[in-house]
Amino acid sequence: MSQNLSRRAALSLGAATVTASAVAGSALTATAADTATSLKDLAAAKGLRFGTAIGMRMLADPRVRELVIRECNIIVPENELKLYVTHNNGPTEYNFKPADDLLAFAESHHIAMRGHNLFWARDEYTPQWLKSYDFGSKPKVAAEKLLRDYIAKVADHYGERLNSWDVVNETIDPKTGEVRENAFSRVLGMDTLRIAFEATREYMPKTQLVYNDYMSWEAGNENHRKGVLKLLHWFRDNKVPIDALGVQSHIGNGYDLLGGQVNAWKEFLDETVALDLDLLITEFDVDDQTIPTGDIEQRDAIVATVGRIYLDQMLSYKQTKDVLFWGMPDQYNWLQGFTPRADKLPLRPTPYDADFKPKPLREAIALAFKNASAR
């Protein structure tokens, strides 16, 4: 949305601000009392888990460690388990040290850690050696062996200490809705996805297997949603072992349609759970880049309202079991460098600000957990 709002956008934003201000007002008066109960405890009371992504830079900050210990019962590595970190220097070289450090922190505080990800199906996030790898005279055999060997190595290293894995990440092109080409699929085709899930089930039989993607509820995501649903049906039709859809939930564009395409999103979720799949909110944040006002209270109020509407809809499905943010507090969220505001003000997409103080979004999450039915 441009800085010059359309009439409809302006009216909707005005309505959003009024609604949000009411929500935020009650949130601000309740925050001091309600932060006494952690988000992880509010979530656990309903059979849910709450957490955040965390990376080595965050782990080095004692304030982040304190926040995570207080609020979270699950974490996910931000980048430390991606192929370009764990397997970047050739087919026989592995580096699990950063992820091991995160897991050691988690386990020392009785916090679960999920795995993200075994295969990010996009060339731009694939190690250079793999993109130029010579699979030889029997390329399909060699490619399958390479993929299975990597998953076996990860399984041998971690066992089932990570009880949920994003096996494949972002294989659907959001513009076309078709499966992306990548280093493995150029040799194996769709069998790449089948092999990845089957190997993970074989080597980590008790682990939840997840397909993770960023299709969303805003306008412009129609092809992405259709493509993901087509893929999920393909998984089921081909008996590919999969337990859940990871809904990344990077929301926040389209404030002229407060709450996004709620009905279309419901249809997407209905069709997903009808395939007997659980839902995970894996990378939640509410981008306030396009909220035209620079007023912090108004921005926070709108973010809280949009976040609450989204969470209420997602948590209305008992199949939703986990809610994870993609980094908190605000200054550690990836959007700061990815979608900067035109006015150069810092983004405020998470429950805690740069001073580690709770914001209206934190109260919106707490209220959503309280309002949710037990899993």
Protein backbone atom coordinates (compact mmCIF):
# COMPACT_ATOMS: atom_id res chain seq x y z
CA MET A 1 0.00 0.00 0.00
CA SER A 2 1.46 3.36 -0.97
CA GLN A 3 1.86 6.27 1.38
CA ASN A 4 -0.99 7.92 -0.54
CA LEU A 5 -3.88 5.85 0.74
CA SER A 6 -6.85 5.09 -1.45
CA ARG A 7 -10.20 6.26 -0.08
CA ARG A 8 -11.16 2.69 0.83
CA ALA A 9 -7.77 2.12 2.43
CA ALA A 10 -8.05 5.31 4.44
CA LEU A 11 -11.53 4.45 5.66
CA SER A 12 -10.50 0.91 6.55
CA LEU A 13 -7.37 2.09 8.30
CA GLY A 14 -9.42 4.61 10.23
CA ALA A 15 -11.82 1.88 11.33
CA ALA A 16 -8.88 -0.34 12.18
CA THR A 17 -7.32 2.39 14.27
CA VAL A 18 -10.51 2.96 16.25
CA THR A 19 -10.94 -0.77 16.87
CA ALA A 20 -7.26 -1.21 17.57
CA SER A 21 -7.15 1.70 19.97
CA ALA A 22 -9.91 0.14 22.03
CA VAL A 23 -8.14 -3.20 22.09
CA ALA A 24 -4.79 -1.62 22.82
CA GLY A 25 -6.23 0.59 25.54
CA SER A 26 -7.54 -2.41 27.44
CA ALA A 27 -4.30 -4.23 26.68
CA LEU A 28 -2.14 -1.46 28.06
CA THR A 29 -4.09 -1.30 31.31
CA ALA A 30 -3.89 -5.07 31.70
CA THR A 31 -0.30 -5.63 30.63
CA ALA A 32 1.38 -5.20 34.00
CA ALA A 33 -0.87 -7.77 35.64
CA ASP A 34 -1.05 -10.21 32.75
CA THR A 35 2.68 -10.48 32.07
CA ALA A 36 2.89 -12.24 35.43
CA THR A 37 1.58 -15.26 33.53
CA SER A 38 3.97 -16.22 30.76
CA LEU A 39 2.83 -16.79 27.21
CA LYS A 40 4.17 -20.34 27.40
CA ASP A 41 1.95 -21.04 30.43
CA LEU A 42 -1.10 -19.47 28.80
CA ALA A 43 -0.43 -21.58 25.71
CA ALA A 44 0.23 -24.77 27.66
CA ALA A 45 -3.08 -24.39 29.50
CA LYS A 46 -4.75 -24.96 26.13
CA GLY A 47 -2.41 -27.69 24.88
CA LEU A 48 -0.33 -25.28 22.80
CA ARG A 49 3.32 -24.29 22.65
CA PHE A 50 4.64 -20.74 22.28
CA GLY A 51 8.09 -19.80 21.14
CA THR A 52 10.40 -17.94 18.82
CA ALA A 53 13.17 -18.32 16.32
CA ILE A 54 16.58 -17.65 17.80
CA GLY A 55 20.02 -17.36 16.25
CA MET A 56 23.54 -17.13 17.59
CA ARG A 57 23.48 -13.31 17.69
CA MET A 58 20.36 -13.43 19.83
CA LEU A 59 21.74 -16.21 22.02
CA ALA A 60 24.70 -13.97 22.86
CA ASP A 61 22.35 -11.33 24.31
CA PRO A 62 21.52 -12.14 27.96
CA ARG A 63 18.28 -10.14 27.69
CA VAL A 64 17.10 -12.39 24.86
CA ARG A 65 18.01 -15.50 26.81
CA GLU A 66 16.04 -14.21 29.79
CA LEU A 67 13.04 -13.37 27.59
CA VAL A 68 13.05 -16.77 25.90
CA ILE A 69 13.37 -18.64 29.20
CA ARG A 70 10.48 -16.65 30.66
CA GLU A 71 8.07 -16.72 27.72
CA CYS A 72 8.85 -19.76 25.55
CA ASN A 73 8.55 -23.52 25.76
CA ILE A 74 9.79 -24.08 22.19
CA ILE A 75 12.40 -22.46 19.95
CA VAL A 76 13.52 -22.93 16.36
CA PRO A 77 16.94 -22.06 14.92
CA GLU A 78 16.74 -19.04 12.64
CA ASN A 79 19.42 -20.20 10.16
CA GLU A 80 21.65 -22.64 12.02
CA LEU A 81 20.08 -25.85 10.65
CA LYS A 82 19.78 -24.71 7.05
CA LEU A 83 21.80 -26.55 4.45
CA TYR A 84 23.98 -23.53 3.69
CA VAL A 85 25.16 -23.60 7.32
CA THR A 86 25.29 -27.31 8.14
CA HIS A 87 26.56 -28.57 4.77
CA ASN A 88 28.03 -25.57 2.97
CA ASN A 89 31.56 -26.72 2.20
CA GLY A 90 31.11 -29.89 0.20
CA PRO A 91 29.46 -33.31 0.30
CA THR A 92 31.60 -34.64 3.14
CA GLU A 93 31.79 -31.51 5.33
CA TYR A 94 29.27 -30.86 8.12
CA ASN A 95 28.93 -28.11 10.71
CA PHE A 96 26.38 -28.63 13.46
CA LYS A 97 28.13 -26.51 16.09
CA PRO A 98 25.85 -23.42 15.94
CA ALA A 99 22.69 -25.53 16.11
CA ASP A 100 24.23 -27.66 18.87
CA ASP A 101 24.77 -24.52 20.94
CA LEU A 102 21.13 -23.51 20.52
CA LEU A 103 19.94 -26.99 21.45
CA ALA A 104 22.18 -27.05 24.52
CA PHE A 105 20.64 -23.77 25.67
CA ALA A 106 17.13 -25.07 25.04
CA GLU A 107 17.62 -28.38 26.79
CA SER A 108 19.27 -26.76 29.79
CA HIS A 109 16.04 -24.81 30.34
CA HIS A 110 13.60 -27.59 29.41
CA ILE A 111 12.63 -25.83 26.19
CA ALA A 112 11.80 -27.90 23.11
CA MET A 113 13.51 -27.18 19.80
CA ARG A 114 12.10 -27.93 16.36
CA GLY A 115 14.16 -28.36 13.21
CA HIS A 116 14.19 -25.85 10.36
CA ASN A 117 14.89 -27.08 7.72
CA LEU A 118 16.18 -30.20 6.02
CA PHE A 119 15.73 -28.94 2.47
CA TRP A 120 15.02 -25.36 1.42
CA ALA A 121 13.85 -25.96 -2.14
CA ARG A 122 15.20 -22.71 -3.64
CA ASP A 123 18.45 -22.36 -5.57
CA GLU A 124 19.36 -19.03 -3.96
CA TYR A 125 19.62 -20.78 -0.58
CA THR A 126 21.44 -23.87 -1.86
CA PRO A 127 25.21 -24.32 -1.31
CA GLN A 128 27.23 -23.56 -4.42
CA TRP A 129 28.84 -26.99 -4.46
CA LEU A 130 25.42 -28.64 -4.67
CA LYS A 131 24.16 -26.39 -7.47
CA SER A 132 27.13 -27.41 -9.63
CA TYR A 133 27.39 -31.02 -8.41
CA ASP A 134 28.11 -33.71 -11.02
CA PHE A 135 25.72 -36.59 -10.36
CA GLY A 136 27.59 -38.80 -12.82
CA SER A 137 26.35 -41.49 -15.20
CA LYS A 138 23.46 -42.54 -12.96
CA PRO A 139 22.21 -39.15 -11.79
CA LYS A 140 18.96 -40.29 -10.19
CA VAL A 141 20.70 -42.91 -8.08
CA ALA A 142 23.42 -40.45 -7.06
CA ALA A 143 20.99 -37.62 -6.28
CA GLU A 144 18.76 -39.82 -4.14
CA LYS A 145 21.78 -41.16 -2.26
CA LEU A 146 23.09 -37.65 -1.60
CA LEU A 147 19.73 -36.46 -0.26
CA ARG A 148 19.14 -39.55 1.86
CA ASP A 149 22.70 -39.51 3.21
CA TYR A 150 22.31 -35.91 4.38
CA ILE A 151 19.05 -36.64 6.19
CA ALA A 152 20.60 -39.76 7.72
CA LYS A 153 23.56 -37.68 8.94
CA VAL A 154 21.23 -35.15 10.60
CA ALA A 155 19.21 -37.96 12.16
CA ASP A 156 22.34 -39.67 13.43
CA HIS A 157 23.53 -36.41 14.99
CA TYR A 158 20.28 -35.34 16.67
CA GLY A 159 18.23 -38.50 16.96
CA GLU A 160 14.76 -37.40 17.98
CA ARG A 161 15.83 -34.60 20.31
CA LEU A 162 14.04 -32.35 17.81
CA ASN A 163 10.52 -33.73 17.67
CA SER A 164 9.32 -31.66 14.72
CA TRP A 165 11.08 -30.91 11.43
CA ASP A 166 10.36 -28.69 8.45
CA VAL A 167 11.37 -31.39 6.00
CA VAL A 168 10.84 -29.24 2.90
CA ASN A 169 10.63 -25.45 2.91
CA GLU A 170 9.05 -23.15 0.31
CA THR A 171 8.94 -25.38 -2.76
CA ILE A 172 5.94 -23.57 -4.28
CA ASP A 173 6.51 -20.53 -6.50
CA PRO A 174 4.10 -17.90 -5.11
CA LYS A 175 3.46 -16.32 -8.52
CA THR A 176 2.67 -19.45 -10.51
CA GLY A 177 1.65 -21.91 -7.81
CA GLU A 178 3.95 -24.49 -9.38
CA VAL A 179 6.76 -26.49 -7.77
CA ARG A 180 10.10 -24.71 -8.02
CA GLU A 181 13.09 -26.24 -9.75
CA ASN A 182 16.16 -26.86 -7.60
CA ALA A 183 19.41 -28.79 -7.59
CA PHE A 184 17.69 -32.07 -6.73
CA SER A 185 14.46 -31.68 -8.69
CA ARG A 186 16.32 -31.08 -11.94
CA VAL A 187 17.42 -34.70 -11.58
CA LEU A 188 14.67 -36.33 -9.51
CA GLY A 189 11.61 -34.22 -10.28
CA MET A 190 8.78 -34.56 -7.76
CA ASP A 191 10.49 -37.62 -6.31
CA THR A 192 12.74 -35.12 -4.50
CA LEU A 193 9.87 -34.31 -2.15
CA ARG A 194 8.79 -37.91 -1.71
CA ILE A 195 12.34 -39.05 -0.95
CA ALA A 196 12.91 -36.24 1.56
CA PHE A 197 9.80 -37.09 3.57
CA GLU A 198 10.22 -40.86 3.32
CA ALA A 199 13.86 -40.69 4.41
CA THR A 200 13.01 -38.46 7.36
CA ARG A 201 10.27 -40.85 8.45
CA GLU A 202 12.67 -43.78 8.11
CA TYR A 203 15.49 -42.18 10.08
CA MET A 204 13.39 -40.21 12.60
CA PRO A 205 10.19 -42.29 12.90
CA LYS A 206 8.73 -40.43 15.91
CA THR A 207 9.34 -36.94 14.54
CA GLN A 208 6.53 -34.70 13.26
CA LEU A 209 7.10 -34.13 9.54
CA VAL A 210 6.12 -30.68 8.26
CA TYR A 211 5.89 -28.92 4.92
CA ASN A 212 6.57 -25.21 5.59
CA ASP A 213 5.62 -22.26 3.36
CA TYR A 214 4.67 -18.57 3.44
CA MET A 215 1.33 -18.53 1.60
CA SER A 216 -0.77 -15.98 3.42
CA TRP A 217 -4.24 -14.51 3.75
CA GLU A 218 -3.61 -11.22 1.95
CA ALA A 219 -4.78 -10.51 -1.59
CA GLY A 220 -2.18 -11.62 -4.12
CA ASN A 221 -1.62 -14.98 -2.40
CA GLU A 222 -4.30 -16.85 -4.36
CA ASN A 223 -1.92 -18.79 -6.63
CA HIS A 224 0.37 -19.55 -3.73
CA ARG A 225 -2.48 -21.01 -1.67
CA LYS A 226 -3.74 -23.04 -4.63
CA GLY A 227 -0.25 -24.36 -5.29
CA VAL A 228 0.26 -25.43 -1.69
CA LEU A 229 -3.11 -27.19 -1.61
CA LYS A 230 -2.26 -28.97 -4.86
CA LEU A 231 1.01 -30.11 -3.30
CA LEU A 232 -0.68 -31.31 -0.11
CA HIS A 233 -3.15 -33.35 -2.18
CA TRP A 234 -0.22 -34.78 -4.14
CA PHE A 235 1.40 -35.83 -0.87
CA ARG A 236 -1.75 -37.64 0.19
CA ASP A 237 -2.42 -39.20 -3.24
CA ASN A 238 1.14 -40.54 -3.34
CA LYS A 239 1.17 -41.70 0.29
CA VAL A 240 3.99 -39.34 1.22
CA PRO A 241 4.40 -39.32 5.02
CA ILE A 242 3.53 -35.82 6.24
CA ASP A 243 1.94 -34.76 9.52
CA ALA A 244 1.46 -31.00 9.36
CA LEU A 245 1.53 -27.80 7.35
CA GLY A 246 3.80 -25.09 8.67
CA VAL A 247 2.05 -21.76 8.11
CA GLN A 248 4.84 -19.20 8.34
CA SER A 249 2.43 -16.33 9.05
CA HIS A 250 4.49 -13.33 7.96
CA ILE A 251 1.42 -11.12 7.81
CA GLY A 252 0.96 -7.39 7.57
CA ASN A 253 0.44 -6.25 3.99
CA GLY A 254 -2.97 -5.00 2.94
CA TYR A 255 -4.09 -2.95 5.91
CA ASP A 256 -6.87 -1.64 3.69
CA LEU A 257 -8.43 -5.06 4.22
CA LEU A 258 -8.17 -5.38 7.97
CA GLY A 259 -7.82 -9.04 8.81
CA GLY A 260 -6.95 -10.09 5.27
CA GLN A 261 -9.08 -12.34 3.11
CA VAL A 262 -10.68 -14.07 6.06
CA ASN A 263 -13.13 -16.19 4.08
CA ALA A 264 -10.58 -17.29 1.49
CA TRP A 265 -8.12 -18.10 4.27
CA LYS A 266 -10.76 -20.17 6.06
CA GLU A 267 -11.38 -22.16 2.88
CA PHE A 268 -7.65 -22.81 2.59
CA LEU A 269 -7.38 -23.96 6.21
CA ASP A 270 -10.54 -26.07 5.95
CA GLU A 271 -9.15 -27.94 2.95
CA THR A 272 -5.80 -28.41 4.68
CA VAL A 273 -7.19 -29.93 7.88
CA ALA A 274 -9.57 -32.09 5.82
CA LEU A 275 -6.40 -33.85 4.64
CA ASP A 276 -5.82 -34.90 8.27
CA LEU A 277 -2.96 -32.47 8.75
CA ASP A 278 -2.08 -30.45 11.83
CA LEU A 279 -1.24 -26.75 11.57
CA LEU A 280 1.76 -24.90 13.00
CA ILE A 281 2.32 -21.16 13.06
CA THR A 282 6.04 -21.33 12.44
CA GLU A 283 7.36 -17.81 11.71
CA PHE A 284 4.81 -15.28 12.98
CA ASP A 285 5.27 -11.52 12.79
CA VAL A 286 3.06 -8.55 11.86
CA ASP A 287 4.84 -6.23 9.44
CA ASP A 288 3.98 -2.57 10.06
CA GLN A 289 6.00 -1.27 7.11
CA THR A 290 2.96 0.02 5.22
CA ILE A 291 1.02 1.53 8.13
CA PRO A 292 1.29 5.17 7.02
CA THR A 293 1.25 6.79 10.44
CA GLY A 294 4.49 7.21 12.32
CA ASP A 295 2.61 7.38 15.62
CA ILE A 296 3.91 4.47 17.71
CA GLU A 297 0.72 3.95 19.70
CA GLN A 298 -1.42 3.79 16.57
CA ARG A 299 0.98 1.44 14.82
CA ASP A 300 1.17 -0.85 17.84
CA ALA A 301 -2.61 -0.81 18.18
CA ILE A 302 -3.15 -1.80 14.55
CA VAL A 303 -0.50 -4.52 14.74
CA ALA A 304 -2.15 -5.92 17.87
CA THR A 305 -5.60 -5.92 16.31
CA VAL A 306 -4.50 -7.57 13.07
CA GLY A 307 -2.46 -10.10 15.04
CA ARG A 308 -5.43 -10.92 17.28
CA ILE A 309 -7.80 -11.40 14.33
CA TYR A 310 -5.28 -13.71 12.68
CA LEU A 311 -4.55 -15.72 15.81
CA ASP A 312 -8.23 -16.11 16.67
CA GLN A 313 -8.86 -17.58 13.23
CA MET A 314 -5.84 -19.89 13.34
CA LEU A 315 -6.52 -21.04 16.90
CA SER A 316 -10.16 -21.77 16.08
CA TYR A 317 -8.71 -24.92 14.49
CA LYS A 318 -7.79 -27.46 17.14
CA GLN A 319 -5.23 -28.76 14.67
CA THR A 320 -3.12 -25.65 15.41
CA LYS A 321 -0.63 -26.76 18.05
CA ASP A 322 2.36 -24.36 17.95
CA VAL A 323 2.76 -20.59 17.69
CA LEU A 324 6.31 -19.37 17.03
CA PHE A 325 7.48 -15.85 16.25
CA TRP A 326 10.33 -15.29 13.82
CA GLY A 327 12.55 -13.53 16.30
CA MET A 328 11.79 -11.19 19.16
CA PRO A 329 12.13 -8.49 20.43
CA ASP A 330 11.70 -6.05 17.55
CA GLN A 331 15.34 -5.31 16.84
CA TYR A 332 16.10 -9.00 16.28
CA ASN A 333 13.28 -9.59 13.82
CA TRP A 334 14.39 -10.22 10.24
CA LEU A 335 12.00 -7.61 8.81
CA GLN A 336 14.16 -4.73 10.08
CA GLY A 337 16.52 -5.24 7.16
CA PHE A 338 14.06 -6.79 4.74
CA THR A 339 11.11 -4.38 4.61
CA PRO A 340 12.29 -1.02 6.01
CA ARG A 341 9.75 1.77 6.44
CA ALA A 342 9.88 4.78 4.12
CA ASP A 343 10.10 7.08 7.16
CA LYS A 344 13.15 5.12 8.40
CA LEU A 345 11.49 4.39 11.75
CA PRO A 346 12.23 0.94 13.18
CA LEU A 347 9.62 -1.72 12.53
CA ARG A 348 7.57 -3.01 15.47
CA PRO A 349 6.43 -6.50 14.36
CA THR A 350 6.85 -8.55 17.56
CA PRO A 351 5.40 -8.70 21.10
CA TYR A 352 8.37 -6.87 22.67
CA ASP A 353 10.01 -3.57 21.79
CA ALA A 354 13.71 -2.75 21.56
CA ASP A 355 13.80 -2.12 25.32
CA PHE A 356 12.30 -5.58 25.95
CA LYS A 357 9.05 -4.04 27.14
CA PRO A 358 5.76 -5.82 26.28
CA LYS A 359 3.59 -4.19 23.64
CA PRO A 360 -0.13 -4.46 22.84
CA LEU A 361 0.66 -7.39 20.52
CA ARG A 362 1.84 -9.37 23.53
CA GLU A 363 -1.51 -8.82 25.22
CA ALA A 364 -3.32 -9.72 21.99
CA ILE A 365 -1.48 -13.05 21.97
CA ALA A 366 -2.32 -13.65 25.63
CA LEU A 367 -6.00 -12.93 25.00
CA ALA A 368 -6.01 -15.20 21.95
CA PHE A 369 -4.60 -18.05 24.03
CA LYS A 370 -7.14 -17.43 26.79
CA ASN A 371 -9.94 -17.40 24.23
CA ALA A 372 -8.79 -20.58 22.48
CA SER A 373 -10.38 -23.92 23.23
CA ALA A 374 -8.24 -26.72 24.63
CA ARG A 375 -6.46 -28.96 22.13
